[in-house]
C-alpha atoms as a PDB file:
ATOM      1  CA  MET A   1       0.000   0.000   0.000  1.00  0.00           C
ATOM      2  CA  LEU A   2       2.760   2.397   0.924  1.00  0.00           C
ATOM      3  CA  ALA A   3       4.557   1.505  -2.290  1.00  0.00           C
ATOM      4  CA  HIS A   4       1.577   2.694  -4.325  1.00  0.00           C
ATOM      5  CA  LEU A   5       1.313   5.964  -2.412  1.00  0.00           C
ATOM      6  CA  ILE A   6       4.931   7.119  -2.503  1.00  0.00           C
ATOM      7  CA  GLY A   7       6.565   4.937  -5.143  1.00  0.00           C
ATOM      8  CA  ASN A   8       6.011   7.389  -8.022  1.00  0.00           C
ATOM      9  CA  SER A   9       8.482  10.025  -6.807  1.00  0.00           C
ATOM     10  CA  SER A  10      12.252   9.743  -6.479  1.00  0.00           C
ATOM     11  CA  GLU A  11      12.017  10.418  -2.735  1.00  0.00           C
ATOM     12  CA  GLY A  12       9.360   7.737  -2.424  1.00  0.00           C
ATOM     13  CA  ALA A  13      11.525   5.233  -4.265  1.00  0.00           C
ATOM     14  CA  ALA A  14      14.385   6.004  -1.878  1.00  0.00           C
ATOM     15  CA  ILE A  15      12.101   5.478   1.119  1.00  0.00           C
ATOM     16  CA  LEU A  16      10.953   2.137  -0.272  1.00  0.00           C
ATOM     17  CA  GLN A  17      14.576   1.077  -0.761  1.00  0.00           C
ATOM     18  CA  TRP A  18      15.287   1.951   2.864  1.00  0.00           C
ATOM     19  CA  ILE A  19      12.261  -0.035   3.999  1.00  0.00           C
ATOM     20  CA  GLU A  20      13.410  -3.060   1.979  1.00  0.00           C
ATOM     21  CA  ALA A  21      16.907  -2.696   3.440  1.00  0.00           C
ATOM     22  CA  ALA A  22      15.401  -2.485   6.936  1.00  0.00           C
ATOM     23  CA  ALA A  23      13.391  -5.683   6.365  1.00  0.00           C
ATOM     24  CA  ILE A  24      16.531  -7.480   5.145  1.00  0.00           C
ATOM     25  CA  GLY A  25      18.447  -6.116   8.144  1.00  0.00           C
ATOM     26  CA  ILE A  26      15.778  -7.401  10.521  1.00  0.00           C
ATOM     27  CA  GLU A  27      15.953 -10.858   8.886  1.00  0.00           C
ATOM     28  CA  ILE A  28      19.759 -10.886   9.180  1.00  0.00           C
ATOM     29  CA  LEU A  29      19.445  -9.895  12.842  1.00  0.00           C
ATOM     30  CA  ALA A  30      17.037 -12.775  13.476  1.00  0.00           C
ATOM     31  CA  VAL A  31      19.344 -15.313  11.831  1.00  0.00           C
ATOM     32  CA  ALA A  32      22.360 -13.919  13.691  1.00  0.00           C
ATOM     33  CA  ILE A  33      20.541 -14.169  17.026  1.00  0.00           C
ATOM     34  CA  ILE A  34      19.588 -17.779  16.345  1.00  0.00           C
ATOM     35  CA  VAL A  35      23.078 -18.807  15.200  1.00  0.00           C
ATOM     36  CA  ILE A  36      24.927 -16.990  17.998  1.00  0.00           C
ATOM     37  CA  ALA A  37      22.552 -18.336  20.650  1.00  0.00           C
ATOM     38  CA  ILE A  38      22.932 -21.887  19.347  1.00  0.00           C
ATOM     39  CA  LEU A  39      26.727 -21.580  19.341  1.00  0.00           C
ATOM     40  CA  TYR A  40      26.749 -20.064  22.828  1.00  0.00           C
ATOM     41  CA  SER A  41      24.318 -22.610  24.275  1.00  0.00           C
ATOM     42  CA  THR A  42      26.150 -25.542  22.707  1.00  0.00           C
ATOM     43  CA  THR A  43      29.538 -24.284  23.901  1.00  0.00           C
ATOM     44  CA  ARG A  44      28.178 -23.792  27.408  1.00  0.00           C
ATOM     45  CA  TYR A  45      26.575 -27.246  27.383  1.00  0.00           C
ATOM     46  CA  LEU A  46      29.766 -28.945  26.190  1.00  0.00           C
ATOM     47  CA  TYR A  47      31.805 -27.057  28.788  1.00  0.00           C
ATOM     48  CA  GLN A  48      29.464 -28.291  31.517  1.00  0.00           C
ATOM     49  CA  VAL A  49      29.628 -31.852  30.154  1.00  0.00           C
ATOM     50  CA  PHE A  50      33.419 -31.914  30.182  1.00  0.00           C
ATOM     51  CA  ARG A  51      33.633 -30.198  33.572  1.00  0.00           C
ATOM     52  CA  ARG A  52      30.833 -32.440  34.921  1.00  0.00           C
ATOM     53  CA  GLN A  53      28.868 -29.451  36.231  1.00  0.00           C
ATOM     54  CA  ASN A  54      25.084 -29.338  36.717  1.00  0.00           C
ATOM     55  CA  ILE A  55      24.795 -33.038  35.989  1.00  0.00           C
ATOM     56  CA  ASP A  56      21.124 -33.231  36.932  1.00  0.00           C
ATOM     57  CA  ASP A  57      19.683 -30.530  34.729  1.00  0.00           C
ATOM     58  CA  ARG A  58      22.281 -29.447  32.152  1.00  0.00           C
ATOM     59  CA  TYR A  59      20.401 -31.020  29.216  1.00  0.00           C
ATOM     60  CA  ASP A  60      17.114 -29.375  30.229  1.00  0.00           C
ATOM     61  CA  ILE A  61      18.886 -26.024  30.531  1.00  0.00           C
ATOM     62  CA  TYR A  62      20.464 -26.556  27.103  1.00  0.00           C
ATOM     63  CA  ARG A  63      17.095 -27.369  25.483  1.00  0.00           C
ATOM     64  CA  ALA A  64      15.433 -24.381  27.141  1.00  0.00           C
ATOM     65  CA  SER A  65      18.215 -22.062  25.980  1.00  0.00           C
ATOM     66  CA  LEU A  66      17.938 -23.327  22.395  1.00  0.00           C
ATOM     67  CA  GLY A  67      14.159 -23.023  22.468  1.00  0.00           C
ATOM     68  CA  ARG A  68      14.268 -19.453  23.755  1.00  0.00           C
ATOM     69  CA  SER A  69      16.721 -18.411  21.052  1.00  0.00           C
ATOM     70  CA  LEU A  70      14.510 -19.970  18.381  1.00  0.00           C
ATOM     71  CA  LEU A  71      11.453 -18.184  19.807  1.00  0.00           C
ATOM     72  CA  LEU A  72      13.229 -14.847  19.738  1.00  0.00           C
ATOM     73  CA  GLY A  73      14.437 -15.438  16.178  1.00  0.00           C
ATOM     74  CA  LEU A  74      10.940 -16.407  15.032  1.00  0.00           C
ATOM     75  CA  GLU A  75       9.426 -13.283  16.568  1.00  0.00           C
ATOM     76  CA  ILE A  76      11.953 -11.078  14.802  1.00  0.00           C
ATOM     77  CA  LEU A  77      11.361 -12.869  11.489  1.00  0.00           C
ATOM     78  CA  VAL A  78       7.631 -12.192  11.841  1.00  0.00           C
ATOM     79  CA  ALA A  79       8.441  -8.506  12.351  1.00  0.00           C
ATOM     80  CA  ALA A  80      10.488  -8.487   9.134  1.00  0.00           C
ATOM     81  CA  ASP A  81       7.637 -10.137   7.240  1.00  0.00           C
ATOM     82  CA  VAL A  82       5.144  -7.596   8.560  1.00  0.00           C
ATOM     83  CA  VAL A  83       7.381  -4.662   7.563  1.00  0.00           C
ATOM     84  CA  ARG A  84       7.898  -6.062   4.092  1.00  0.00           C
ATOM     85  CA  THR A  85       4.247  -6.947   3.496  1.00  0.00           C
ATOM     86  CA  VAL A  86       2.610  -3.847   4.932  1.00  0.00           C
ATOM     87  CA  ALA A  87       5.053  -1.323   3.497  1.00  0.00           C
ATOM     88  CA  LEU A  88       6.055  -2.869   0.195  1.00  0.00           C
ATOM     89  CA  GLU A  89       3.699  -5.565  -1.050  1.00  0.00           C
ATOM     90  CA  ALA A  90       0.244  -4.869   0.297  1.00  0.00           C
ATOM     91  CA  THR A  91      -1.656  -7.079  -2.143  1.00  0.00           C
ATOM     92  CA  LEU A  92      -4.297  -9.561  -1.114  1.00  0.00           C
ATOM     93  CA  GLU A  93      -1.995 -12.422  -2.069  1.00  0.00           C
ATOM     94  CA  SER A  94       0.925 -11.113   0.008  1.00  0.00           C
ATOM     95  CA  VAL A  95      -1.318 -10.482   3.021  1.00  0.00           C
ATOM     96  CA  VAL A  96      -2.699 -14.043   2.800  1.00  0.00           C
ATOM     97  CA  ILE A  97       0.839 -15.412   2.576  1.00  0.00           C
ATOM     98  CA  LEU A  98       1.847 -13.272   5.569  1.00  0.00           C
ATOM     99  CA  GLY A  99      -1.131 -14.611   7.507  1.00  0.00           C
ATOM    100  CA  MET A 100      -0.138 -18.188   6.720  1.00  0.00           C
ATOM    101  CA  LEU A 101       3.472 -17.520   7.750  1.00  0.00           C
ATOM    102  CA  VAL A 102       2.343 -15.930  11.003  1.00  0.00           C
ATOM    103  CA  LEU A 103       0.065 -18.907  11.755  1.00  0.00           C
ATOM    104  CA  ILE A 104       2.887 -21.366  11.093  1.00  0.00           C
ATOM    105  CA  ARG A 105       5.260 -19.386  13.294  1.00  0.00           C
ATOM    106  CA  ILE A 106       2.653 -19.125  16.052  1.00  0.00           C
ATOM    107  CA  PHE A 107       2.269 -22.903  15.964  1.00  0.00           C
ATOM    108  CA  LEU A 108       6.051 -23.320  16.126  1.00  0.00           C
ATOM    109  CA  SER A 109       6.267 -20.826  18.993  1.00  0.00           C
ATOM    110  CA  TRP A 110       3.558 -22.616  20.950  1.00  0.00           C
ATOM    111  CA  SER A 111       5.255 -25.932  20.323  1.00  0.00           C
ATOM    112  CA  LEU A 112       8.527 -24.544  21.631  1.00  0.00           C
ATOM    113  CA  VAL A 113       6.856 -23.074  24.721  1.00  0.00           C
ATOM    114  CA  VAL A 114       5.205 -26.422  25.464  1.00  0.00           C
ATOM    115  CA  GLU A 115       8.547 -28.167  24.977  1.00  0.00           C
ATOM    116  CA  ILE A 116      10.460 -25.697  27.172  1.00  0.00           C
ATOM    117  CA  GLU A 117       7.957 -25.042  29.952  1.00  0.00           C
ATOM    118  CA  GLY A 118       5.787 -28.147  29.817  1.00  0.00           C
ATOM    119  CA  ARG A 119       2.546 -26.140  29.607  1.00  0.00           C
ATOM    120  CA  TRP A 120       0.402 -24.359  27.035  1.00  0.00           C
ATOM    121  CA  PRO A 121       1.196 -20.645  26.655  1.00  0.00           C
ATOM    122  CA  TRP A 122      -2.202 -19.565  27.976  1.00  0.00           C
ATOM    123  CA  ARG A 123      -1.965 -21.738  31.109  1.00  0.00           C
ATOM    124  CA  PRO A 124      -0.599 -20.087  34.255  1.00  0.00           C
ATOM    125  CA  LYS A 125       2.808 -21.113  35.522  1.00  0.00           C
ATOM    126  CA  LEU A 126       2.706 -23.554  38.377  1.00  0.00           C
ATOM    127  CA  ASP A 127       4.188 -22.519  41.688  1.00  0.00           C
ATOM    128  CA  PRO A 128       7.291 -24.692  42.238  1.00  0.00           C
ATOM    129  CA  GLU A 129       6.191 -25.374  45.818  1.00  0.00           C
ATOM    130  CA  LYS A 130       2.808 -26.703  44.651  1.00  0.00           C
ATOM    131  CA  GLN A 131       4.160 -28.963  41.901  1.00  0.00           C
ATOM    132  CA  PRO A 132       3.933 -32.665  42.585  1.00  0.00           C
ATOM    133  CA  THR A 133       7.226 -34.206  43.604  1.00  0.00           C
ATOM    134  CA  LYS A 134       8.790 -36.855  41.435  1.00  0.00           C
ATOM    135  CA  THR A 135       9.145 -40.214  43.067  1.00  0.00           C
ATOM    136  CA  ILE A 136      11.475 -42.935  41.896  1.00  0.00           C
ATOM    137  CA  SER A 137      10.215 -46.443  42.415  1.00  0.00           C
END
């Protein structure tokens, strides 16, 4: 929509180029966050394995750290898609595609939250004191 309003002038074309560059920059940021977080989490996990630290919960911490980095990256990728679609390609087809991408990413985000926290995103967090204790038989 914005492309149709300001795209006819030279200043408008420059603005659209900046918006496209911003969307690409946001996508690069999202990928960088995911890659750096995975490298950091994996390095920290391997360090703990070799040093034999946090033996009981190091794998759960590693999974949670990876999941959080993926969630953050997905949220930033959605922002890039919204910028690109709303500012540059506001056609019915692009909006439908954006909607499908957002739905897929919401499903992935919910799946990651369930995997990390063991509960649906809309369920309240359990108080650690009220959680049932694990018994080994």
